[in-house]
PDB file of all heavy atoms in Angstrom:
ATOM      1  N   THR A   1     203.108  -4.837 114.400  1.00  0.00           N
ATOM      2  CA  THR A   1     203.693  -5.451 115.637  1.00  0.00           C
ATOM      3  C   THR A   1     204.587  -4.513 116.343  1.00  0.00           C
ATOM      4  O   THR A   1     204.773  -4.468 117.593  1.00  0.00           O
ATOM      5  CB  THR A   1     204.524  -6.810 115.297  1.00  0.00           C
ATOM      6  OG1 THR A   1     205.399  -6.403 114.277  1.00  0.00           O
ATOM      7  CG2 THR A   1     203.573  -7.939 114.753  1.00  0.00           C
ATOM      8  N   LEU A   2     205.349  -3.669 115.448  1.00  0.00           N
ATOM      9  CA  LEU A   2     206.187  -2.528 116.084  1.00  0.00           C
ATOM     10  C   LEU A   2     205.247  -1.654 116.900  1.00  0.00           C
ATOM     11  O   LEU A   2     205.696  -1.179 117.987  1.00  0.00           O
ATOM     12  CB  LEU A   2     206.920  -1.874 115.182  1.00  0.00           C
ATOM     13  CG  LEU A   2     208.095  -2.567 114.403  1.00  0.00           C
ATOM     14  CD1 LEU A   2     208.577  -1.794 113.205  1.00  0.00           C
ATOM     15  CD2 LEU A   2     209.247  -3.091 115.438  1.00  0.00           C
ATOM     16  N   GLY A   3     204.119  -1.312 116.452  1.00  0.00           N
ATOM     17  CA  GLY A   3     203.310  -0.450 117.257  1.00  0.00           C
ATOM     18  C   GLY A   3     202.804  -1.035 118.581  1.00  0.00           C
ATOM     19  O   GLY A   3     202.723  -0.391 119.559  1.00  0.00           O
ATOM     20  N   LEU A   4     202.618  -2.316 118.585  1.00  0.00           N
ATOM     21  CA  LEU A   4     202.271  -3.043 119.811  1.00  0.00           C
ATOM     22  C   LEU A   4     203.343  -3.117 120.688  1.00  0.00           C
ATOM     23  O   LEU A   4     203.238  -3.075 121.979  1.00  0.00           O
ATOM     24  CB  LEU A   4     201.712  -4.448 119.499  1.00  0.00           C
ATOM     25  CG  LEU A   4     200.312  -4.503 118.881  1.00  0.00           C
ATOM     26  CD1 LEU A   4     200.109  -5.908 118.401  1.00  0.00           C
ATOM     27  CD2 LEU A   4     199.227  -3.972 119.730  1.00  0.00           C
ATOM     28  N   VAL A   5     204.581  -3.237 120.123  1.00  0.00           N
ATOM     29  CA  VAL A   5     205.742  -3.208 120.989  1.00  0.00           C
ATOM     30  C   VAL A   5     205.968  -1.784 121.766  1.00  0.00           C
ATOM     31  O   VAL A   5     206.305  -1.843 122.981  1.00  0.00           O
ATOM     32  CB  VAL A   5     207.078  -3.505 120.168  1.00  0.00           C
ATOM     33  CG1 VAL A   5     208.257  -3.276 121.003  1.00  0.00           C
ATOM     34  CG2 VAL A   5     207.015  -4.987 119.761  1.00  0.00           C
ATOM     35  N   ALA A   6     205.623  -0.746 121.052  1.00  0.00           N
ATOM     36  CA  ALA A   6     205.719   0.558 121.481  1.00  0.00           C
ATOM     37  C   ALA A   6     204.751   0.698 122.720  1.00  0.00           C
ATOM     38  O   ALA A   6     205.042   1.413 123.722  1.00  0.00           O
ATOM     39  CB  ALA A   6     205.418   1.616 120.389  1.00  0.00           C
ATOM     40  N   PHE A   7     203.503   0.026 122.596  1.00  0.00           N
ATOM     41  CA  PHE A   7     202.528   0.139 123.577  1.00  0.00           C
ATOM     42  C   PHE A   7     203.145  -0.804 124.867  1.00  0.00           C
ATOM     43  O   PHE A   7     203.132  -0.321 126.007  1.00  0.00           O
ATOM     44  CB  PHE A   7     201.272  -0.617 123.252  1.00  0.00           C
ATOM     45  CG  PHE A   7     200.441  -1.063 124.298  1.00  0.00           C
ATOM     46  CD1 PHE A   7     199.722  -0.206 125.178  1.00  0.00           C
ATOM     47  CD2 PHE A   7     200.334  -2.480 124.722  1.00  0.00           C
ATOM     48  CE1 PHE A   7     198.978  -0.593 126.266  1.00  0.00           C
ATOM     49  CE2 PHE A   7     199.506  -2.782 125.764  1.00  0.00           C
ATOM     50  CZ  PHE A   7     198.970  -1.904 126.506  1.00  0.00           C
ATOM     51  N   GLY A   8     203.664  -1.935 124.705  1.00  0.00           N
ATOM     52  CA  GLY A   8     204.157  -2.797 125.834  1.00  0.00           C
ATOM     53  C   GLY A   8     205.541  -2.566 126.237  1.00  0.00           C
ATOM     54  O   GLY A   8     205.892  -2.972 127.399  1.00  0.00           O
ATOM     55  N   LEU A   9     206.211  -1.565 125.743  1.00  0.00           N
ATOM     56  CA  LEU A   9     207.706  -1.378 126.020  1.00  0.00           C
ATOM     57  C   LEU A   9     207.682  -0.792 127.513  1.00  0.00           C
ATOM     58  O   LEU A   9     208.587  -1.212 128.320  1.00  0.00           O
ATOM     59  CB  LEU A   9     208.199  -0.460 125.117  1.00  0.00           C
ATOM     60  CG  LEU A   9     209.831  -0.223 125.191  1.00  0.00           C
ATOM     61  CD1 LEU A   9     210.568  -1.534 124.976  1.00  0.00           C
ATOM     62  CD2 LEU A   9     210.226   0.848 124.220  1.00  0.00           C
ATOM     63  N   GLY A  10     206.932   0.181 127.883  1.00  0.00           N
ATOM     64  CA  GLY A  10     206.950   0.818 129.199  1.00  0.00           C
ATOM     65  C   GLY A  10     206.792  -0.307 130.160  1.00  0.00           C
ATOM     66  O   GLY A  10     207.500  -0.255 131.109  1.00  0.00           O
ATOM     67  N   ALA A  11     205.830  -1.131 130.064  1.00  0.00           N
ATOM     68  CA  ALA A  11     205.435  -2.156 131.097  1.00  0.00           C
ATOM     69  C   ALA A  11     206.641  -3.079 131.295  1.00  0.00           C
ATOM     70  O   ALA A  11     207.018  -3.546 132.325  1.00  0.00           O
ATOM     71  CB  ALA A  11     204.178  -2.839 130.782  1.00  0.00           C
ATOM     72  N   GLY A  12     207.215  -3.489 130.104  1.00  0.00           N
ATOM     73  CA  GLY A  12     208.275  -4.578 130.143  1.00  0.00           C
ATOM     74  C   GLY A  12     209.499  -3.995 130.744  1.00  0.00           C
ATOM     75  O   GLY A  12     210.111  -4.778 131.493  1.00  0.00           O
ATOM     76  N   LEU A  13     209.901  -2.804 130.352  1.00  0.00           N
ATOM     77  CA  LEU A  13     211.128  -2.177 130.986  1.00  0.00           C
ATOM     78  C   LEU A  13     210.834  -1.883 132.583  1.00  0.00           C
ATOM     79  O   LEU A  13     211.741  -2.081 133.273  1.00  0.00           O
ATOM     80  CB  LEU A  13     211.447  -0.920 130.268  1.00  0.00           C
ATOM     81  CG  LEU A  13     211.941  -1.124 128.828  1.00  0.00           C
ATOM     82  CD1 LEU A  13     212.337   0.263 128.199  1.00  0.00           C
ATOM     83  CD2 LEU A  13     213.169  -1.997 128.750  1.00  0.00           C
ATOM     84  N   THR A  14     209.754  -1.577 132.862  1.00  0.00           N
ATOM     85  CA  THR A  14     209.398  -1.217 134.232  1.00  0.00           C
ATOM     86  C   THR A  14     209.458  -2.506 135.033  1.00  0.00           C
ATOM     87  O   THR A  14     210.044  -2.541 136.130  1.00  0.00           O
ATOM     88  CB  THR A  14     208.060  -0.641 134.416  1.00  0.00           C
ATOM     89  OG1 THR A  14     208.034   0.643 133.786  1.00  0.00           O
ATOM     90  CG2 THR A  14     207.649  -0.353 135.860  1.00  0.00           C
ATOM     91  N   GLU A  15     208.913  -3.551 134.601  1.00  0.00           N
ATOM     92  CA  GLU A  15     208.983  -4.817 135.292  1.00  0.00           C
ATOM     93  C   GLU A  15     210.337  -5.278 135.342  1.00  0.00           C
ATOM     94  O   GLU A  15     210.868  -5.774 136.534  1.00  0.00           O
ATOM     95  CB  GLU A  15     208.121  -5.956 134.516  1.00  0.00           C
ATOM     96  CG  GLU A  15     208.148  -7.300 135.253  1.00  0.00           C
ATOM     97  CD  GLU A  15     207.409  -8.416 134.529  1.00  0.00           C
ATOM     98  OE1 GLU A  15     206.683  -8.114 133.490  1.00  0.00           O
ATOM     99  OE2 GLU A  15     207.429  -9.472 135.004  1.00  0.00           O
ATOM    100  N   GLY A  16     211.138  -5.324 134.286  1.00  0.00           N
ATOM    101  CA  GLY A  16     212.649  -5.812 134.294  1.00  0.00           C
ATOM    102  C   GLY A  16     213.358  -4.942 135.364  1.00  0.00           C
ATOM    103  O   GLY A  16     214.180  -5.456 136.049  1.00  0.00           O
ATOM    104  N   ALA A  17     213.207  -3.569 135.209  1.00  0.00           N
ATOM    105  CA  ALA A  17     213.941  -2.752 136.106  1.00  0.00           C
ATOM    106  C   ALA A  17     213.560  -3.011 137.577  1.00  0.00           C
ATOM    107  O   ALA A  17     214.535  -3.101 138.496  1.00  0.00           O
ATOM    108  CB  ALA A  17     213.783  -1.314 135.771  1.00  0.00           C
ATOM    109  N   SER A  18     212.327  -3.203 137.944  1.00  0.00           N
ATOM    110  CA  SER A  18     211.937  -3.402 139.176  1.00  0.00           C
ATOM    111  C   SER A  18     212.398  -4.802 139.725  1.00  0.00           C
ATOM    112  O   SER A  18     212.658  -4.845 140.947  1.00  0.00           O
ATOM    113  CB  SER A  18     210.347  -3.366 139.182  1.00  0.00           C
ATOM    114  OG  SER A  18     209.882  -2.079 138.855  1.00  0.00           O
ATOM    115  N   ARG A  19     212.329  -5.763 138.933  1.00  0.00           N
ATOM    116  CA  ARG A  19     212.945  -7.078 139.355  1.00  0.00           C
ATOM    117  C   ARG A  19     214.285  -6.943 139.792  1.00  0.00           C
ATOM    118  O   ARG A  19     214.758  -7.545 140.763  1.00  0.00           O
ATOM    119  CB  ARG A  19     212.816  -8.074 138.195  1.00  0.00           C
ATOM    120  CG  ARG A  19     211.318  -8.642 138.006  1.00  0.00           C
ATOM    121  CD  ARG A  19     211.324  -9.561 136.833  1.00  0.00           C
ATOM    122  NE  ARG A  19     210.037 -10.089 136.594  1.00  0.00           N
ATOM    123  CZ  ARG A  19     209.467 -11.112 137.062  1.00  0.00           C
ATOM    124  NH1 ARG A  19     210.246 -11.862 138.010  1.00  0.00           N
ATOM    125  NH2 ARG A  19     208.258 -11.715 136.843  1.00  0.00           N
ATOM    126  N   ALA A  20     215.083  -6.233 138.988  1.00  0.00           N
ATOM    127  CA  ALA A  20     216.539  -6.092 139.246  1.00  0.00           C
ATOM    128  C   ALA A  20     216.897  -5.107 140.210  1.00  0.00           C
ATOM    129  O   ALA A  20     217.981  -5.290 140.897  1.00  0.00           O
ATOM    130  CB  ALA A  20     217.344  -5.851 137.913  1.00  0.00           C
ATOM    131  N   TRP A  21     216.232  -4.022 140.389  1.00  0.00           N
ATOM    132  CA  TRP A  21     216.723  -2.825 141.136  1.00  0.00           C
ATOM    133  C   TRP A  21     215.924  -2.436 142.314  1.00  0.00           C
ATOM    134  O   TRP A  21     216.249  -1.462 142.969  1.00  0.00           O
ATOM    135  CB  TRP A  21     216.985  -1.668 140.100  1.00  0.00           C
ATOM    136  CG  TRP A  21     218.081  -1.900 139.132  1.00  0.00           C
ATOM    137  CD1 TRP A  21     217.867  -2.327 137.847  1.00  0.00           C
ATOM    138  CD2 TRP A  21     219.468  -1.773 139.459  1.00  0.00           C
ATOM    139  NE1 TRP A  21     219.160  -2.629 137.285  1.00  0.00           N
ATOM    140  CE2 TRP A  21     220.106  -2.176 138.180  1.00  0.00           C
ATOM    141  CE3 TRP A  21     220.251  -1.444 140.550  1.00  0.00           C
ATOM    142  CZ2 TRP A  21     221.522  -2.253 138.062  1.00  0.00           C
ATOM    143  CZ3 TRP A  21     221.726  -1.324 140.399  1.00  0.00           C
ATOM    144  CH2 TRP A  21     222.256  -1.756 139.200  1.00  0.00           C
ATOM    145  N   SER A  22     214.684  -2.949 142.425  1.00  0.00           N
ATOM    146  CA  SER A  22     213.741  -2.429 143.453  1.00  0.00           C
ATOM    147  C   SER A  22     214.298  -2.567 144.825  1.00  0.00           C
ATOM    148  O   SER A  22     214.277  -1.598 145.638  1.00  0.00           O
ATOM    149  CB  SER A  22     212.357  -3.141 143.395  1.00  0.00           C
ATOM    150  OG  SER A  22     212.586  -4.561 143.520  1.00  0.00           O
ATOM    151  N   ILE A  23     214.933  -3.768 145.232  1.00  0.00           N
ATOM    152  CA  ILE A  23     215.542  -3.942 146.433  1.00  0.00           C
ATOM    153  C   ILE A  23     216.645  -2.986 146.733  1.00  0.00           C
ATOM    154  O   ILE A  23     216.871  -2.474 147.831  1.00  0.00           O
ATOM    155  CB  ILE A  23     215.827  -5.513 146.695  1.00  0.00           C
ATOM    156  CG1 ILE A  23     214.639  -6.317 146.714  1.00  0.00           C
ATOM    157  CG2 ILE A  23     216.653  -5.632 147.988  1.00  0.00           C
ATOM    158  CD1 ILE A  23     214.812  -7.796 146.674  1.00  0.00           C
ATOM    159  N   ILE A  24     217.498  -2.888 145.686  1.00  0.00           N
ATOM    160  CA  ILE A  24     218.692  -2.092 145.767  1.00  0.00           C
ATOM    161  C   ILE A  24     218.214  -0.535 145.967  1.00  0.00           C
ATOM    162  O   ILE A  24     218.814   0.200 146.791  1.00  0.00           O
ATOM    163  CB  ILE A  24     219.516  -2.180 144.456  1.00  0.00           C
ATOM    164  CG1 ILE A  24     219.995  -3.670 144.375  1.00  0.00           C
ATOM    165  CG2 ILE A  24     220.598  -1.176 144.380  1.00  0.00           C
ATOM    166  CD1 ILE A  24     220.820  -3.818 143.061  1.00  0.00           C
ATOM    167  N   TYR A  25     217.144  -0.125 145.393  1.00  0.00           N
ATOM    168  CA  TYR A  25     216.574   1.200 145.472  1.00  0.00           C
ATOM    169  C   TYR A  25     216.160   1.463 146.977  1.00  0.00           C
ATOM    170  O   TYR A  25     216.661   2.437 147.595  1.00  0.00           O
ATOM    171  CB  TYR A  25     215.365   1.297 144.587  1.00  0.00           C
ATOM    172  CG  TYR A  25     214.474   2.669 144.926  1.00  0.00           C
ATOM    173  CD1 TYR A  25     215.263   4.019 144.885  1.00  0.00           C
ATOM    174  CD2 TYR A  25     213.132   2.563 145.169  1.00  0.00           C
ATOM    175  CE1 TYR A  25     214.531   5.123 145.069  1.00  0.00           C
ATOM    176  CE2 TYR A  25     212.526   3.727 145.440  1.00  0.00           C
ATOM    177  CZ  TYR A  25     213.236   5.047 145.327  1.00  0.00           C
ATOM    178  OH  TYR A  25     212.459   6.179 145.680  1.00  0.00           O
ATOM    179  N   LEU A  26     215.601   0.477 147.557  1.00  0.00           N
ATOM    180  CA  LEU A  26     215.264   0.739 148.966  1.00  0.00           C
ATOM    181  C   LEU A  26     216.510   0.752 149.833  1.00  0.00           C
ATOM    182  O   LEU A  26     216.556   1.498 150.804  1.00  0.00           O
ATOM    183  CB  LEU A  26     214.280  -0.377 149.400  1.00  0.00           C
ATOM    184  CG  LEU A  26     212.741   0.133 149.524  1.00  0.00           C
ATOM    185  CD1 LEU A  26     212.239   0.302 148.028  1.00  0.00           C
ATOM    186  CD2 LEU A  26     211.830  -0.972 150.121  1.00  0.00           C
ATOM    187  N   ARG A  27     217.413  -0.279 149.633  1.00  0.00           N
ATOM    188  CA  ARG A  27     218.610  -0.256 150.313  1.00  0.00           C
ATOM    189  C   ARG A  27     219.417   0.994 150.218  1.00  0.00           C
ATOM    190  O   ARG A  27     219.918   1.494 151.299  1.00  0.00           O
ATOM    191  CB  ARG A  27     219.518  -1.333 149.822  1.00  0.00           C
ATOM    192  CG  ARG A  27     220.807  -1.683 150.570  1.00  0.00           C
ATOM    193  CD  ARG A  27     221.711  -2.463 149.804  1.00  0.00           C
ATOM    194  NE  ARG A  27     222.264  -1.820 148.656  1.00  0.00           N
ATOM    195  CZ  ARG A  27     222.962  -2.321 147.653  1.00  0.00           C
ATOM    196  NH1 ARG A  27     223.114  -3.720 147.752  1.00  0.00           N
ATOM    197  NH2 ARG A  27     223.442  -1.657 146.585  1.00  0.00           N
ATOM    198  N   ASP A  28     219.569   1.601 149.043  1.00  0.00           N
ATOM    199  CA  ASP A  28     220.314   2.770 148.849  1.00  0.00           C
ATOM    200  C   ASP A  28     219.655   4.059 149.323  1.00  0.00           C
ATOM    201  O   ASP A  28     220.371   5.114 149.569  1.00  0.00           O
ATOM    202  CB  ASP A  28     220.856   2.942 147.460  1.00  0.00           C
ATOM    203  CG  ASP A  28     221.827   1.845 146.968  1.00  0.00           C
ATOM    204  OD1 ASP A  28     222.285   1.005 147.879  1.00  0.00           O
ATOM    205  OD2 ASP A  28     222.069   1.719 145.874  1.00  0.00           O
ATOM    206  N   SER A  29     218.380   4.064 149.385  1.00  0.00           N
ATOM    207  CA  SER A  29     217.638   5.351 149.599  1.00  0.00           C
ATOM    208  C   SER A  29     217.101   5.514 150.903  1.00  0.00           C
ATOM    209  O   SER A  29     216.828   6.695 151.438  1.00  0.00           O
ATOM    210  CB  SER A  29     216.417   5.473 148.520  1.00  0.00           C
ATOM    211  OG  SER A  29     216.815   5.307 147.257  1.00  0.00           O
ATOM    212  N   PHE A  30     216.958   4.517 151.723  1.00  0.00           N
ATOM    213  CA  PHE A  30     216.371   4.590 153.028  1.00  0.00           C
ATOM    214  C   PHE A  30     217.014   3.623 154.137  1.00  0.00           C
ATOM    215  O   PHE A  30     217.643   2.593 153.695  1.00  0.00           O
ATOM    216  CB  PHE A  30     214.871   4.114 152.932  1.00  0.00           C
ATOM    217  CG  PHE A  30     213.999   4.734 151.903  1.00  0.00           C
ATOM    218  CD1 PHE A  30     213.715   4.097 150.836  1.00  0.00           C
ATOM    219  CD2 PHE A  30     213.681   6.083 152.024  1.00  0.00           C
ATOM    220  CE1 PHE A  30     213.072   4.689 149.809  1.00  0.00           C
ATOM    221  CE2 PHE A  30     213.020   6.699 151.054  1.00  0.00           C
ATOM    222  CZ  PHE A  30     212.624   6.001 149.897  1.00  0.00           C
ATOM    223  N   ASP A  31     217.062   4.115 155.382  1.00  0.00           N
ATOM    224  CA  ASP A  31     217.704   3.389 156.280  1.00  0.00           C
ATOM    225  C   ASP A  31     216.598   2.402 157.110  1.00  0.00           C
ATOM    226  O   ASP A  31     215.956   2.917 157.922  1.00  0.00           O
ATOM    227  CB  ASP A  31     218.290   4.246 157.380  1.00  0.00           C
ATOM    228  CG  ASP A  31     219.121   3.512 158.484  1.00  0.00           C
ATOM    229  OD1 ASP A  31     219.390   2.354 158.319  1.00  0.00           O
ATOM    230  OD2 ASP A  31     219.441   4.208 159.487  1.00  0.00           O
ATOM    231  N   VAL A  32     216.453   1.308 156.447  1.00  0.00           N
ATOM    232  CA  VAL A  32     215.384   0.372 157.009  1.00  0.00           C
ATOM    233  C   VAL A  32     216.019  -1.101 157.124  1.00  0.00           C
ATOM    234  O   VAL A  32     217.121  -1.316 156.477  1.00  0.00           O
ATOM    235  CB  VAL A  32     214.304   0.300 156.015  1.00  0.00           C
ATOM    236  CG1 VAL A  32     213.458   1.543 156.208  1.00  0.00           C
ATOM    237  CG2 VAL A  32     214.626  -0.126 154.739  1.00  0.00           C
ATOM    238  N   PRO A  33     215.445  -2.000 157.990  1.00  0.00           N
ATOM    239  CA  PRO A  33     216.054  -3.310 158.046  1.00  0.00           C
ATOM    240  C   PRO A  33     216.009  -4.068 156.716  1.00  0.00           C
ATOM    241  O   PRO A  33     215.206  -3.695 155.796  1.00  0.00           O
ATOM    242  CB  PRO A  33     215.150  -3.992 159.060  1.00  0.00           C
ATOM    243  CG  PRO A  33     214.485  -2.866 159.770  1.00  0.00           C
ATOM    244  CD  PRO A  33     214.346  -1.694 158.863  1.00  0.00           C
ATOM    245  N   ALA A  34     216.872  -5.026 156.549  1.00  0.00           N
ATOM    246  CA  ALA A  34     216.961  -5.760 155.415  1.00  0.00           C
ATOM    247  C   ALA A  34     215.739  -6.537 154.892  1.00  0.00           C
ATOM    248  O   ALA A  34     215.338  -6.580 153.702  1.00  0.00           O
ATOM    249  CB  ALA A  34     218.130  -6.833 155.442  1.00  0.00           C
ATOM    250  N   PHE A  35     214.790  -6.956 155.862  1.00  0.00           N
ATOM    251  CA  PHE A  35     213.643  -7.631 155.471  1.00  0.00           C
ATOM    252  C   PHE A  35     212.628  -6.622 154.893  1.00  0.00           C
ATOM    253  O   PHE A  35     211.837  -6.955 154.062  1.00  0.00           O
ATOM    254  CB  PHE A  35     212.995  -8.374 156.725  1.00  0.00           C
ATOM    255  CG  PHE A  35     212.199  -7.506 157.624  1.00  0.00           C
ATOM    256  CD1 PHE A  35     210.894  -7.298 157.525  1.00  0.00           C
ATOM    257  CD2 PHE A  35     212.855  -6.776 158.665  1.00  0.00           C
ATOM    258  CE1 PHE A  35     210.078  -6.400 158.347  1.00  0.00           C
ATOM    259  CE2 PHE A  35     212.102  -5.999 159.527  1.00  0.00           C
ATOM    260  CZ  PHE A  35     210.762  -5.800 159.366  1.00  0.00           C
ATOM    261  N   VAL A  36     212.704  -5.337 155.284  1.00  0.00           N
ATOM    262  CA  VAL A  36     211.807  -4.350 154.615  1.00  0.00           C
ATOM    263  C   VAL A  36     212.307  -4.095 153.209  1.00  0.00           C
ATOM    264  O   VAL A  36     211.380  -3.933 152.323  1.00  0.00           O
ATOM    265  CB  VAL A  36     211.870  -3.050 155.387  1.00  0.00           C
ATOM    266  CG1 VAL A  36     211.010  -1.914 154.729  1.00  0.00           C
ATOM    267  CG2 VAL A  36     211.236  -3.292 156.910  1.00  0.00           C
ATOM    268  N   GLU A  37     213.591  -4.021 153.060  1.00  0.00           N
ATOM    269  CA  GLU A  37     214.141  -3.957 151.560  1.00  0.00           C
ATOM    270  C   GLU A  37     213.774  -5.067 150.767  1.00  0.00           C
ATOM    271  O   GLU A  37     213.273  -4.921 149.648  1.00  0.00           O
ATOM    272  CB  GLU A  37     215.692  -3.918 151.653  1.00  0.00           C
ATOM    273  CG  GLU A  37     216.279  -2.788 152.496  1.00  0.00           C
ATOM    274  CD  GLU A  37     217.706  -2.859 152.732  1.00  0.00           C
ATOM    275  OE1 GLU A  37     218.399  -3.856 152.224  1.00  0.00           O
ATOM    276  OE2 GLU A  37     218.370  -1.998 153.279  1.00  0.00           O
ATOM    277  N   SER A  38     213.663  -6.239 151.271  1.00  0.00           N
ATOM    278  CA  SER A  38     213.330  -7.374 150.485  1.00  0.00           C
ATOM    279  C   SER A  38     211.869  -7.519 150.194  1.00  0.00           C
ATOM    280  O   SER A  38     211.478  -8.286 149.424  1.00  0.00           O
ATOM    281  CB  SER A  38     213.735  -8.665 151.352  1.00  0.00           C
ATOM    282  OG  SER A  38     215.125  -8.678 151.579  1.00  0.00           O
ATOM    283  N   LEU A  39     210.998  -6.682 150.806  1.00  0.00           N
ATOM    284  CA  LEU A  39     209.616  -6.704 150.345  1.00  0.00           C
ATOM    285  C   LEU A  39     209.275  -6.011 149.136  1.00  0.00           C
ATOM    286  O   LEU A  39     208.175  -6.150 148.656  1.00  0.00           O
ATOM    287  CB  LEU A  39     208.788  -6.021 151.583  1.00  0.00           C
ATOM    288  CG  LEU A  39     208.722  -6.694 152.933  1.00  0.00           C
ATOM    289  CD1 LEU A  39     208.033  -5.789 153.906  1.00  0.00           C
ATOM    290  CD2 LEU A  39     208.107  -7.979 152.762  1.00  0.00           C
ATOM    291  N   ALA A  40     210.182  -5.331 148.530  1.00  0.00           N
ATOM    292  CA  ALA A  40     209.993  -4.600 147.311  1.00  0.00           C
ATOM    293  C   ALA A  40     209.584  -5.520 146.157  1.00  0.00           C
ATOM    294  O   ALA A  40     208.505  -5.210 145.432  1.00  0.00           O
ATOM    295  CB  ALA A  40     211.159  -3.680 146.939  1.00  0.00           C
TER     296      ALA A  40
END
């Protein structure tokens, strides 16, 4: 089961990080309207 966790870890952390920070990334990195940021 630890081997399977090692397989799924990258996807899980990527999904969690994207849920929490994707909109913030667009907001902080680019000068675009808020609705474009919200599309992330």
